[in-house]
Amino acid sequence: MIIEHLQGLIAAPFTPMNKDGQLNLSVIPTYYQFLKENGVTGAFINGSTGEGVSQTMSEKIAMAEAWADCSKQDPDFKVMPLVGGTCIADAIELAQHAQKIGLYAVAFTGPSYFKPATVDMLAKCCIAIAESVPDMPFYYYHIPVLTGVDFPMIDLLRSLHGKLPNLAGIKYTHENFMDFQSCLNFQNGKYDMLWGRDENMLSALAIGAKGAVGSTYNYAAPLYYNIIDAFNNNDLETARALQMKAIDMITLLGKYGGMAVGKAYMKLVGIDCGEFRLPVKNMNADQFSLFRDDVKALEFHTFKSILPQMAQS
C-alpha cells in the first residue's frame, strides 16, 4: 500500500446536536461545503472535538455515514473517523464499517481505562484493529493529556514498523517536539505525522510538519493558512504575529470553559452545532455575550472561516 502524506489543514469537526441533545445530521452537508470553501482538506470525525467518547455505537455509525455521503465523490477531501480506544471489538466493528462506506482512513487512540502496560501492548491493540481493515490507512491518535497513555511515539513506530503494511502514521496531539521530530525522520520519513496542537503550529512547521489536524481549523482556517504561507515565504516575523493571534483566540477557550467554547465560535461563523453533552460544561447566555465581545476585540472577522453564500441564503 502506498501511504499518502497528507498536507494542509484537516479539521476535527464538532458533532452537531439538536436542542434535545440528539444528533443533527442535517447540518453535515453544509458543514462539509463550509470546510471545502475554506481550503480544509479533510475531516477527522468522532474524535475529541467531535465528542466521540460521548456517542453510542449507532450514533458514531450515523455520523460516519453522513460524512461519507457528502465526500464520497470527492477524493481530495479525506475523512477519517476515530474508531475508539477502550473497547477493541467496537473499534474493529467501526473500522470495518468505515471501510465499507468508503472513508479514507481510520484512527485509534490508546485505551484509557485498562491502559496498556507497555508500548508493545499498545502496538498489539493497533495491530488488532488495523489488520481488520488491511486496505485502509491506519493512524494512531496520540493525545496523552486525555488518555493518560504517554509512551514515546518513536517507540510505537519502532514496535510497529514492518508488522503493519497499512500503518499510515500518527495524529500527534502533544508538546514533545523531540519525540515528534524523531517520528518525522524515522525510516527516512516513511510515516505521515499529523500535528495536533493548533497553538504550536509554527513550531511544528519549523521541524518539518506538513499536515495538521485541529479543532480551530473549523472556524479560523484562513489564519492558519496565512501562517503556513508566511513560513513558506521565510517571513517569520509575520508568521510569529499570526501564531500569536491564534494563541489569543485559543486562550478564550480556557477563559470561557474549555472545549465547548469551540461550538460558540461555530455559532459566530454561522453554523449552529448546539451544545456539548455531559459532562462537558457549556456557556450560559451571559457568558456567551461576554465571549462575543472578547472575540470582537480579537478582530475575529479578519481571519475567520467564511460560510458559503448558498448556505447563508
C-alpha atoms as a PDB file:
ATOM      1  CA  MET A   1       0.000   0.000   0.000  1.00  0.00           C
ATOM      2  CA  ILE A   2       1.239   3.469  -0.920  1.00  0.00           C
ATOM      3  CA  ILE A   3       0.640   5.740   2.057  1.00  0.00           C
ATOM      4  CA  GLU A   4      -0.124   9.356   1.212  1.00  0.00           C
ATOM      5  CA  HIS A   5       1.385  12.085   3.372  1.00  0.00           C
ATOM      6  CA  LEU A   6      -1.494  14.473   3.939  1.00  0.00           C
ATOM      7  CA  GLN A   7      -0.850  18.198   3.736  1.00  0.00           C
ATOM      8  CA  GLY A   8      -2.625  21.352   4.796  1.00  0.00           C
ATOM      9  CA  LEU A   9      -5.398  21.605   7.345  1.00  0.00           C
ATOM     10  CA  ILE A  10      -7.661  18.743   8.403  1.00  0.00           C
ATOM     11  CA  ALA A  11     -10.484  19.885  10.657  1.00  0.00           C
ATOM     12  CA  ALA A  12     -11.703  17.961  13.674  1.00  0.00           C
ATOM     13  CA  PRO A  13     -15.422  18.741  13.248  1.00  0.00           C
ATOM     14  CA  PHE A  14     -17.853  19.285  16.067  1.00  0.00           C
ATOM     15  CA  THR A  15     -20.789  16.893  16.205  1.00  0.00           C
ATOM     16  CA  PRO A  16     -23.964  18.917  15.532  1.00  0.00           C
ATOM     17  CA  MET A  17     -26.641  18.445  18.167  1.00  0.00           C
ATOM     18  CA  ASN A  18     -30.305  19.463  18.364  1.00  0.00           C
ATOM     19  CA  LYS A  19     -31.690  21.269  21.392  1.00  0.00           C
ATOM     20  CA  ASP A  20     -32.654  17.901  22.874  1.00  0.00           C
ATOM     21  CA  GLY A  21     -29.042  16.714  22.635  1.00  0.00           C
ATOM     22  CA  GLN A  22     -29.603  14.318  19.740  1.00  0.00           C
ATOM     23  CA  LEU A  23     -27.509  14.274  16.549  1.00  0.00           C
ATOM     24  CA  ASN A  24     -28.466  16.893  13.973  1.00  0.00           C
ATOM     25  CA  LEU A  25     -27.174  15.212  10.834  1.00  0.00           C
ATOM     26  CA  SER A  26     -28.922  17.742   8.578  1.00  0.00           C
ATOM     27  CA  VAL A  27     -26.064  20.173   9.309  1.00  0.00           C
ATOM     28  CA  ILE A  28     -23.360  17.904   7.854  1.00  0.00           C
ATOM     29  CA  PRO A  29     -23.749  18.762   4.113  1.00  0.00           C
ATOM     30  CA  THR A  30     -23.440  22.493   4.861  1.00  0.00           C
ATOM     31  CA  TYR A  31     -20.558  21.784   7.250  1.00  0.00           C
ATOM     32  CA  TYR A  32     -18.719  19.847   4.534  1.00  0.00           C
ATOM     33  CA  GLN A  33     -19.173  22.638   1.988  1.00  0.00           C
ATOM     34  CA  PHE A  34     -18.075  25.176   4.594  1.00  0.00           C
ATOM     35  CA  LEU A  35     -14.808  23.334   5.216  1.00  0.00           C
ATOM     36  CA  LYS A  36     -14.199  22.928   1.482  1.00  0.00           C
ATOM     37  CA  GLU A  37     -14.861  26.627   0.869  1.00  0.00           C
ATOM     38  CA  ASN A  38     -12.129  27.475   3.368  1.00  0.00           C
ATOM     39  CA  GLY A  39      -9.482  25.190   1.929  1.00  0.00           C
ATOM     40  CA  VAL A  40      -9.697  22.452   4.553  1.00  0.00           C
ATOM     41  CA  THR A  41      -8.552  19.162   3.025  1.00  0.00           C
ATOM     42  CA  GLY A  42     -10.245  16.654   5.292  1.00  0.00           C
ATOM     43  CA  ALA A  43     -12.213  15.842   8.434  1.00  0.00           C
ATOM     44  CA  PHE A  44     -11.190  13.819  11.494  1.00  0.00           C
ATOM     45  CA  ILE A  45     -14.619  12.873  12.825  1.00  0.00           C
ATOM     46  CA  ASN A  46     -15.837  11.436  16.137  1.00  0.00           C
ATOM     47  CA  GLY A  47     -12.631  12.436  17.900  1.00  0.00           C
ATOM     48  CA  SER A  48     -12.142  14.584  20.984  1.00  0.00           C
ATOM     49  CA  THR A  49     -13.711  17.683  19.416  1.00  0.00           C
ATOM     50  CA  GLY A  50     -16.454  15.523  17.908  1.00  0.00           C
ATOM     51  CA  GLU A  51     -17.421  14.015  21.265  1.00  0.00           C
ATOM     52  CA  GLY A  52     -16.795  10.506  20.015  1.00  0.00           C
ATOM     53  CA  VAL A  53     -16.458   9.176  23.553  1.00  0.00           C
ATOM     54  CA  SER A  54     -19.923  10.580  24.360  1.00  0.00           C
ATOM     55  CA  GLN A  55     -21.639   8.889  21.406  1.00  0.00           C
ATOM     56  CA  THR A  56     -23.284   5.492  21.140  1.00  0.00           C
ATOM     57  CA  MET A  57     -22.139   3.000  18.524  1.00  0.00           C
ATOM     58  CA  SER A  58     -25.196   3.730  16.368  1.00  0.00           C
ATOM     59  CA  GLU A  59     -24.511   7.467  16.561  1.00  0.00           C
ATOM     60  CA  LYS A  60     -20.883   7.018  15.504  1.00  0.00           C
ATOM     61  CA  ILE A  61     -22.073   4.939  12.569  1.00  0.00           C
ATOM     62  CA  ALA A  62     -24.653   7.582  11.616  1.00  0.00           C
ATOM     63  CA  MET A  63     -22.031  10.340  11.751  1.00  0.00           C
ATOM     64  CA  ALA A  64     -19.636   8.350   9.598  1.00  0.00           C
ATOM     65  CA  GLU A  65     -22.353   7.707   7.030  1.00  0.00           C
ATOM     66  CA  ALA A  66     -23.387  11.368   6.925  1.00  0.00           C
ATOM     67  CA  TRP A  67     -19.814  12.461   6.191  1.00  0.00           C
ATOM     68  CA  ALA A  68     -19.358   9.632   3.680  1.00  0.00           C
ATOM     69  CA  ASP A  69     -22.476  10.708   1.803  1.00  0.00           C
ATOM     70  CA  CYS A  70     -21.045  14.218   1.415  1.00  0.00           C
ATOM     71  CA  SER A  71     -17.496  13.301   0.479  1.00  0.00           C
ATOM     72  CA  LYS A  72     -17.748  10.034  -1.474  1.00  0.00           C
ATOM     73  CA  GLN A  73     -17.393  11.809  -4.824  1.00  0.00           C
ATOM     74  CA  ASP A  74     -14.526  13.981  -3.553  1.00  0.00           C
ATOM     75  CA  PRO A  75     -11.192  12.107  -3.440  1.00  0.00           C
ATOM     76  CA  ASP A  76      -9.403  15.311  -2.454  1.00  0.00           C
ATOM     77  CA  PHE A  77     -11.283  15.510   0.853  1.00  0.00           C
ATOM     78  CA  LYS A  78     -10.117  12.839   3.287  1.00  0.00           C
ATOM     79  CA  VAL A  79     -12.483  11.693   6.033  1.00  0.00           C
ATOM     80  CA  MET A  80     -11.220   9.507   8.860  1.00  0.00           C
ATOM     81  CA  PRO A  81     -13.145   8.542  11.990  1.00  0.00           C
ATOM     82  CA  LEU A  82     -11.724   7.857  15.405  1.00  0.00           C
ATOM     83  CA  VAL A  83     -12.971   4.317  15.931  1.00  0.00           C
ATOM     84  CA  GLY A  84     -12.352   4.154  19.660  1.00  0.00           C
ATOM     85  CA  GLY A  85      -9.838   3.461  22.337  1.00  0.00           C
ATOM     86  CA  THR A  86     -11.492   1.476  25.122  1.00  0.00           C
ATOM     87  CA  CYS A  87     -13.302  -1.482  23.542  1.00  0.00           C
ATOM     88  CA  ILE A  88     -11.199  -3.165  20.849  1.00  0.00           C
ATOM     89  CA  ALA A  89     -14.170  -5.129  19.479  1.00  0.00           C
ATOM     90  CA  ASP A  90     -16.177  -1.924  18.969  1.00  0.00           C
ATOM     91  CA  ALA A  91     -13.180  -0.284  17.306  1.00  0.00           C
ATOM     92  CA  ILE A  92     -12.867  -3.185  14.865  1.00  0.00           C
ATOM     93  CA  GLU A  93     -16.583  -3.020  14.048  1.00  0.00           C
ATOM     94  CA  LEU A  94     -16.401   0.733  13.432  1.00  0.00           C
ATOM     95  CA  ALA A  95     -13.257   0.388  11.334  1.00  0.00           C
ATOM     96  CA  GLN A  96     -14.849  -2.247   9.128  1.00  0.00           C
ATOM     97  CA  HIS A  97     -17.934  -0.063   8.760  1.00  0.00           C
ATOM     98  CA  ALA A  98     -15.731   2.889   7.730  1.00  0.00           C
ATOM     99  CA  GLN A  99     -14.116   0.715   5.087  1.00  0.00           C
ATOM    100  CA  LYS A 100     -17.499  -0.489   3.843  1.00  0.00           C
ATOM    101  CA  ILE A 101     -18.833   3.057   3.317  1.00  0.00           C
ATOM    102  CA  GLY A 102     -15.657   4.263   1.612  1.00  0.00           C
ATOM    103  CA  LEU A 103     -13.985   6.545   4.144  1.00  0.00           C
ATOM    104  CA  TYR A 104     -10.303   7.271   3.609  1.00  0.00           C
ATOM    105  CA  ALA A 105      -8.680   6.029   6.828  1.00  0.00           C
ATOM    106  CA  VAL A 106      -9.334   5.117  10.455  1.00  0.00           C
ATOM    107  CA  ALA A 107      -7.702   6.217  13.693  1.00  0.00           C
ATOM    108  CA  PHE A 108      -7.401   4.614  17.107  1.00  0.00           C
ATOM    109  CA  THR A 109      -6.281   6.048  20.423  1.00  0.00           C
ATOM    110  CA  GLY A 110      -4.746   4.384  23.468  1.00  0.00           C
ATOM    111  CA  PRO A 111      -7.140   2.549  25.805  1.00  0.00           C
ATOM    112  CA  SER A 112      -7.774   4.961  28.659  1.00  0.00           C
ATOM    113  CA  TYR A 113      -9.356   2.732  31.332  1.00  0.00           C
ATOM    114  CA  PHE A 114      -7.426  -0.531  31.173  1.00  0.00           C
ATOM    115  CA  LYS A 115      -4.265   1.138  29.915  1.00  0.00           C
ATOM    116  CA  PRO A 116      -1.593  -0.855  28.069  1.00  0.00           C
ATOM    117  CA  ALA A 117       1.324  -1.582  30.404  1.00  0.00           C
ATOM    118  CA  THR A 118       3.980  -1.370  27.692  1.00  0.00           C
ATOM    119  CA  VAL A 119       4.384   0.132  24.262  1.00  0.00           C
ATOM    120  CA  ASP A 120       4.364  -3.384  22.805  1.00  0.00           C
ATOM    121  CA  MET A 121       0.920  -3.970  24.334  1.00  0.00           C
ATOM    122  CA  LEU A 122      -0.269  -0.737  22.739  1.00  0.00           C
ATOM    123  CA  ALA A 123       1.171  -1.945  19.442  1.00  0.00           C
ATOM    124  CA  LYS A 124      -0.837  -5.178  19.764  1.00  0.00           C
ATOM    125  CA  CYS A 125      -4.018  -3.115  20.142  1.00  0.00           C
ATOM    126  CA  CYS A 126      -3.161  -1.161  16.997  1.00  0.00           C
ATOM    127  CA  ILE A 127      -2.432  -4.347  15.069  1.00  0.00           C
ATOM    128  CA  ALA A 128      -5.745  -5.931  16.083  1.00  0.00           C
ATOM    129  CA  ILE A 129      -7.686  -3.011  14.597  1.00  0.00           C
ATOM    130  CA  ALA A 130      -5.503  -2.219  11.586  1.00  0.00           C
ATOM    131  CA  GLU A 131      -5.414  -5.846  10.451  1.00  0.00           C
ATOM    132  CA  SER A 132      -9.212  -5.864  10.350  1.00  0.00           C
ATOM    133  CA  VAL A 133      -9.086  -3.256   7.537  1.00  0.00           C
ATOM    134  CA  PRO A 134      -5.870  -4.119   5.672  1.00  0.00           C
ATOM    135  CA  ASP A 135      -6.727  -1.949   2.666  1.00  0.00           C
ATOM    136  CA  MET A 136      -7.277   1.252   4.695  1.00  0.00           C
ATOM    137  CA  PRO A 137      -4.638   3.624   6.056  1.00  0.00           C
ATOM    138  CA  PHE A 138      -4.445   3.343   9.845  1.00  0.00           C
ATOM    139  CA  TYR A 139      -3.394   6.193  12.163  1.00  0.00           C
ATOM    140  CA  TYR A 140      -2.632   6.091  15.849  1.00  0.00           C
ATOM    141  CA  TYR A 141      -4.012   9.127  17.707  1.00  0.00           C
ATOM    142  CA  HIS A 142      -1.603  10.282  20.417  1.00  0.00           C
ATOM    143  CA  ILE A 143      -3.322  12.534  22.957  1.00  0.00           C
ATOM    144  CA  PRO A 144      -1.898  11.629  26.368  1.00  0.00           C
ATOM    145  CA  VAL A 145      -3.497  14.588  28.162  1.00  0.00           C
ATOM    146  CA  LEU A 146      -6.850  12.796  27.727  1.00  0.00           C
ATOM    147  CA  THR A 147      -5.899   9.120  27.559  1.00  0.00           C
ATOM    148  CA  GLY A 148      -3.057   9.007  30.071  1.00  0.00           C
ATOM    149  CA  VAL A 149      -1.186   6.748  27.619  1.00  0.00           C
ATOM    150  CA  ASP A 150       2.125   8.543  27.244  1.00  0.00           C
ATOM    151  CA  PHE A 151       4.696   6.295  25.610  1.00  0.00           C
ATOM    152  CA  PRO A 152       7.185   7.950  23.246  1.00  0.00           C
ATOM    153  CA  MET A 153       5.685   7.621  19.798  1.00  0.00           C
ATOM    154  CA  ILE A 154       9.061   6.831  18.295  1.00  0.00           C
ATOM    155  CA  ASP A 155       8.929   3.633  20.359  1.00  0.00           C
ATOM    156  CA  LEU A 156       5.492   2.810  18.975  1.00  0.00           C
ATOM    157  CA  LEU A 157       6.718   3.293  15.408  1.00  0.00           C
ATOM    158  CA  ARG A 158       9.691   1.047  16.095  1.00  0.00           C
ATOM    159  CA  SER A 159       7.401  -1.591  17.564  1.00  0.00           C
ATOM    160  CA  LEU A 160       5.005  -1.494  14.592  1.00  0.00           C
ATOM    161  CA  HIS A 161       7.478  -0.986  11.734  1.00  0.00           C
ATOM    162  CA  GLY A 162       7.491  -3.944   9.383  1.00  0.00           C
ATOM    163  CA  LYS A 163       4.458  -5.542  11.057  1.00  0.00           C
ATOM    164  CA  LEU A 164       1.647  -3.381   9.734  1.00  0.00           C
ATOM    165  CA  PRO A 165       1.639  -2.548   5.998  1.00  0.00           C
ATOM    166  CA  ASN A 166      -1.298  -0.151   6.354  1.00  0.00           C
ATOM    167  CA  LEU A 167       0.219   1.902   9.183  1.00  0.00           C
ATOM    168  CA  ALA A 168      -0.037   5.437   7.795  1.00  0.00           C
ATOM    169  CA  GLY A 169       1.286   7.418  10.744  1.00  0.00           C
ATOM    170  CA  ILE A 170       0.294   9.293  13.860  1.00  0.00           C
ATOM    171  CA  LYS A 171      -2.017  12.159  14.727  1.00  0.00           C
ATOM    172  CA  TYR A 172       0.266  13.777  17.286  1.00  0.00           C
ATOM    173  CA  THR A 173      -1.507  15.923  19.887  1.00  0.00           C
ATOM    174  CA  HIS A 174       1.228  16.545  22.412  1.00  0.00           C
ATOM    175  CA  GLU A 175       4.030  19.060  23.010  1.00  0.00           C
ATOM    176  CA  ASN A 176       7.053  16.727  22.857  1.00  0.00           C
ATOM    177  CA  PHE A 177       8.850  18.201  19.866  1.00  0.00           C
ATOM    178  CA  MET A 178      11.880  15.930  20.299  1.00  0.00           C
ATOM    179  CA  ASP A 179       9.680  12.842  20.009  1.00  0.00           C
ATOM    180  CA  PHE A 180       7.672  14.346  17.138  1.00  0.00           C
ATOM    181  CA  GLN A 181      10.821  15.160  15.150  1.00  0.00           C
ATOM    182  CA  SER A 182      12.201  11.679  15.797  1.00  0.00           C
ATOM    183  CA  CYS A 183       8.986  10.250  14.343  1.00  0.00           C
ATOM    184  CA  LEU A 184       9.133  12.591  11.346  1.00  0.00           C
ATOM    185  CA  ASN A 185      12.588  11.320  10.482  1.00  0.00           C
ATOM    186  CA  PHE A 186      12.102   7.640  11.302  1.00  0.00           C
ATOM    187  CA  GLN A 187      12.870   5.379   8.339  1.00  0.00           C
ATOM    188  CA  ASN A 188      13.623   8.408   6.133  1.00  0.00           C
ATOM    189  CA  GLY A 189      10.255   9.985   6.803  1.00  0.00           C
ATOM    190  CA  LYS A 190       8.176   6.922   5.933  1.00  0.00           C
ATOM    191  CA  TYR A 191       5.252   7.726   8.222  1.00  0.00           C
ATOM    192  CA  ASP A 192       2.728  10.546   7.982  1.00  0.00           C
ATOM    193  CA  MET A 193       2.968  12.705  11.099  1.00  0.00           C
ATOM    194  CA  LEU A 194      -0.043  14.989  11.510  1.00  0.00           C
ATOM    195  CA  TRP A 195       0.401  17.790  14.023  1.00  0.00           C
ATOM    196  CA  GLY A 196      -2.435  18.175  16.545  1.00  0.00           C
ATOM    197  CA  ARG A 197      -1.678  21.266  18.660  1.00  0.00           C
ATOM    198  CA  ASP A 198      -3.077  24.328  16.868  1.00  0.00           C
ATOM    199  CA  GLU A 199      -1.383  26.746  19.290  1.00  0.00           C
ATOM    200  CA  ASN A 200       2.045  25.334  18.352  1.00  0.00           C
ATOM    201  CA  MET A 201       1.646  25.023  14.586  1.00  0.00           C
ATOM    202  CA  LEU A 202       4.523  27.355  13.723  1.00  0.00           C
ATOM    203  CA  SER A 203       6.922  25.383  15.897  1.00  0.00           C
ATOM    204  CA  ALA A 204       5.820  22.168  14.207  1.00  0.00           C
ATOM    205  CA  LEU A 205       6.297  23.669  10.739  1.00  0.00           C
ATOM    206  CA  ALA A 206       9.855  24.596  11.701  1.00  0.00           C
ATOM    207  CA  ILE A 207      10.773  20.955  12.276  1.00  0.00           C
ATOM    208  CA  GLY A 208       9.055  19.603   9.203  1.00  0.00           C
ATOM    209  CA  ALA A 209       5.306  19.166   9.747  1.00  0.00           C
ATOM    210  CA  LYS A 210       3.263  19.386   6.542  1.00  0.00           C
ATOM    211  CA  GLY A 211      -0.218  18.385   7.698  1.00  0.00           C
ATOM    212  CA  ALA A 212      -2.207  19.261  10.801  1.00  0.00           C
ATOM    213  CA  VAL A 213      -5.458  18.176  12.454  1.00  0.00           C
ATOM    214  CA  GLY A 214      -7.216  20.587  14.774  1.00  0.00           C
ATOM    215  CA  SER A 215     -10.452  21.987  16.129  1.00  0.00           C
ATOM    216  CA  THR A 216      -9.778  25.669  15.458  1.00  0.00           C
ATOM    217  CA  TYR A 217      -9.351  24.972  11.742  1.00  0.00           C
ATOM    218  CA  ASN A 218     -13.138  24.649  11.733  1.00  0.00           C
ATOM    219  CA  TYR A 219     -13.645  28.352  12.262  1.00  0.00           C
ATOM    220  CA  ALA A 220     -10.275  30.041  11.594  1.00  0.00           C
ATOM    221  CA  ALA A 221      -8.737  28.152   8.665  1.00  0.00           C
ATOM    222  CA  PRO A 222      -7.620  31.346   6.834  1.00  0.00           C
ATOM    223  CA  LEU A 223      -5.496  32.354   9.823  1.00  0.00           C
ATOM    224  CA  TYR A 224      -3.561  29.087   9.769  1.00  0.00           C
ATOM    225  CA  TYR A 225      -3.100  29.074   6.015  1.00  0.00           C
ATOM    226  CA  ASN A 226      -1.646  32.576   6.379  1.00  0.00           C
ATOM    227  CA  ILE A 227       0.780  31.206   8.990  1.00  0.00           C
ATOM    228  CA  ILE A 228       1.803  28.421   6.596  1.00  0.00           C
ATOM    229  CA  ASP A 229       2.235  30.871   3.704  1.00  0.00           C
ATOM    230  CA  ALA A 230       4.322  33.269   5.806  1.00  0.00           C
ATOM    231  CA  PHE A 231       6.522  30.413   6.999  1.00  0.00           C
ATOM    232  CA  ASN A 232       6.995  29.056   3.476  1.00  0.00           C
ATOM    233  CA  ASN A 233       7.972  32.572   2.318  1.00  0.00           C
ATOM    234  CA  ASN A 234      10.534  32.869   5.141  1.00  0.00           C
ATOM    235  CA  ASP A 235       8.559  35.747   6.634  1.00  0.00           C
ATOM    236  CA  LEU A 236       8.973  34.604  10.212  1.00  0.00           C
ATOM    237  CA  GLU A 237       8.005  37.932  11.728  1.00  0.00           C
ATOM    238  CA  THR A 238       4.581  37.728  10.128  1.00  0.00           C
ATOM    239  CA  ALA A 239       4.279  34.026  10.936  1.00  0.00           C
ATOM    240  CA  ARG A 240       5.011  34.672  14.612  1.00  0.00           C
ATOM    241  CA  ALA A 241       2.491  37.514  14.762  1.00  0.00           C
ATOM    242  CA  LEU A 242      -0.205  35.339  13.178  1.00  0.00           C
ATOM    243  CA  GLN A 243       0.555  32.454  15.503  1.00  0.00           C
ATOM    244  CA  MET A 244       0.084  34.875  18.398  1.00  0.00           C
ATOM    245  CA  LYS A 245      -3.374  35.718  17.037  1.00  0.00           C
ATOM    246  CA  ALA A 246      -4.163  32.010  17.120  1.00  0.00           C
ATOM    247  CA  ILE A 247      -2.916  31.780  20.697  1.00  0.00           C
ATOM    248  CA  ASP A 248      -5.079  34.739  21.741  1.00  0.00           C
ATOM    249  CA  MET A 249      -8.077  33.090  20.086  1.00  0.00           C
ATOM    250  CA  ILE A 250      -7.381  29.750  21.766  1.00  0.00           C
ATOM    251  CA  THR A 251      -6.892  31.448  25.142  1.00  0.00           C
ATOM    252  CA  LEU A 252     -10.592  32.282  25.107  1.00  0.00           C
ATOM    253  CA  LEU A 253     -11.350  28.565  25.157  1.00  0.00           C
ATOM    254  CA  GLY A 254      -9.808  28.356  28.598  1.00  0.00           C
ATOM    255  CA  LYS A 255     -11.320  31.618  29.757  1.00  0.00           C
ATOM    256  CA  TYR A 256     -14.877  30.519  28.995  1.00  0.00           C
ATOM    257  CA  GLY A 257     -14.785  26.872  29.991  1.00  0.00           C
ATOM    258  CA  GLY A 258     -12.803  24.748  27.578  1.00  0.00           C
ATOM    259  CA  MET A 259     -13.718  22.567  24.635  1.00  0.00           C
ATOM    260  CA  ALA A 260     -17.392  23.587  24.445  1.00  0.00           C
ATOM    261  CA  VAL A 261     -16.328  27.141  23.544  1.00  0.00           C
ATOM    262  CA  GLY A 262     -15.492  25.809  20.088  1.00  0.00           C
ATOM    263  CA  LYS A 263     -19.186  25.422  19.367  1.00  0.00           C
ATOM    264  CA  ALA A 264     -19.661  29.053  20.414  1.00  0.00           C
ATOM    265  CA  TYR A 265     -17.086  30.063  17.806  1.00  0.00           C
ATOM    266  CA  MET A 266     -19.024  27.994  15.259  1.00  0.00           C
ATOM    267  CA  LYS A 267     -22.182  29.955  16.010  1.00  0.00           C
ATOM    268  CA  LEU A 268     -20.250  33.140  15.209  1.00  0.00           C
ATOM    269  CA  VAL A 269     -19.316  31.827  11.757  1.00  0.00           C
ATOM    270  CA  GLY A 270     -22.890  30.772  11.025  1.00  0.00           C
ATOM    271  CA  ILE A 271     -23.065  27.047  11.817  1.00  0.00           C
ATOM    272  CA  ASP A 272     -25.022  26.123  14.925  1.00  0.00           C
ATOM    273  CA  CYS A 273     -23.772  22.808  16.316  1.00  0.00           C
ATOM    274  CA  GLY A 274     -25.787  23.037  19.508  1.00  0.00           C
ATOM    275  CA  GLU A 275     -24.115  22.230  22.808  1.00  0.00           C
ATOM    276  CA  PHE A 276     -21.745  19.618  24.177  1.00  0.00           C
ATOM    277  CA  ARG A 277     -23.107  16.654  26.088  1.00  0.00           C
ATOM    278  CA  LEU A 278     -22.454  15.998  29.743  1.00  0.00           C
ATOM    279  CA  PRO A 279     -20.033  16.052  31.450  1.00  0.00           C
ATOM    280  CA  VAL A 280     -18.671  18.957  29.361  1.00  0.00           C
ATOM    281  CA  LYS A 281     -19.758  22.366  30.653  1.00  0.00           C
ATOM    282  CA  ASN A 282     -21.435  24.814  28.245  1.00  0.00           C
ATOM    283  CA  MET A 283     -21.703  28.615  28.491  1.00  0.00           C
ATOM    284  CA  ASN A 284     -24.823  30.360  29.661  1.00  0.00           C
ATOM    285  CA  ALA A 285     -26.288  33.347  27.791  1.00  0.00           C
ATOM    286  CA  ASP A 286     -24.441  35.953  29.860  1.00  0.00           C
ATOM    287  CA  GLN A 287     -21.112  34.231  29.312  1.00  0.00           C
ATOM    288  CA  PHE A 288     -21.781  33.972  25.585  1.00  0.00           C
ATOM    289  CA  SER A 289     -22.391  37.726  25.431  1.00  0.00           C
ATOM    290  CA  LEU A 290     -19.064  38.427  27.157  1.00  0.00           C
ATOM    291  CA  PHE A 291     -17.354  35.879  24.927  1.00  0.00           C
ATOM    292  CA  ARG A 292     -18.722  37.547  21.807  1.00  0.00           C
ATOM    293  CA  ASP A 293     -17.297  40.892  22.973  1.00  0.00           C
ATOM    294  CA  ASP A 294     -13.875  39.327  23.541  1.00  0.00           C
ATOM    295  CA  VAL A 295     -13.966  37.715  20.112  1.00  0.00           C
ATOM    296  CA  LYS A 296     -14.811  41.055  18.530  1.00  0.00           C
ATOM    297  CA  ALA A 297     -11.802  42.610  20.282  1.00  0.00           C
ATOM    298  CA  LEU A 298      -9.603  39.975  18.602  1.00  0.00           C
ATOM    299  CA  GLU A 299     -10.867  41.218  15.208  1.00  0.00           C
ATOM    300  CA  PHE A 300     -12.007  37.671  14.555  1.00  0.00           C
ATOM    301  CA  HIS A 301     -13.839  38.818  11.434  1.00  0.00           C
ATOM    302  CA  THR A 302     -10.492  39.441   9.719  1.00  0.00           C
ATOM    303  CA  PHE A 303      -9.376  35.800   9.840  1.00  0.00           C
ATOM    304  CA  LYS A 304     -12.453  33.660  10.460  1.00  0.00           C
ATOM    305  CA  SER A 305     -13.656  30.942   8.095  1.00  0.00           C
ATOM    306  CA  ILE A 306     -16.377  32.107   5.720  1.00  0.00           C
ATOM    307  CA  LEU A 307     -19.730  30.422   5.258  1.00  0.00           C
ATOM    308  CA  PRO A 308     -20.537  29.691   1.563  1.00  0.00           C
ATOM    309  CA  GLN A 309     -23.039  32.108   0.057  1.00  0.00           C
ATOM    310  CA  MET A 310     -25.645  29.453  -0.705  1.00  0.00           C
ATOM    311  CA  ALA A 311     -25.567  28.333   2.930  1.00  0.00           C
ATOM    312  CA  GLN A 312     -26.317  31.885   4.056  1.00  0.00           C
ATOM    313  CA  SER A 313     -29.383  32.263   1.858  1.00  0.00           C
END
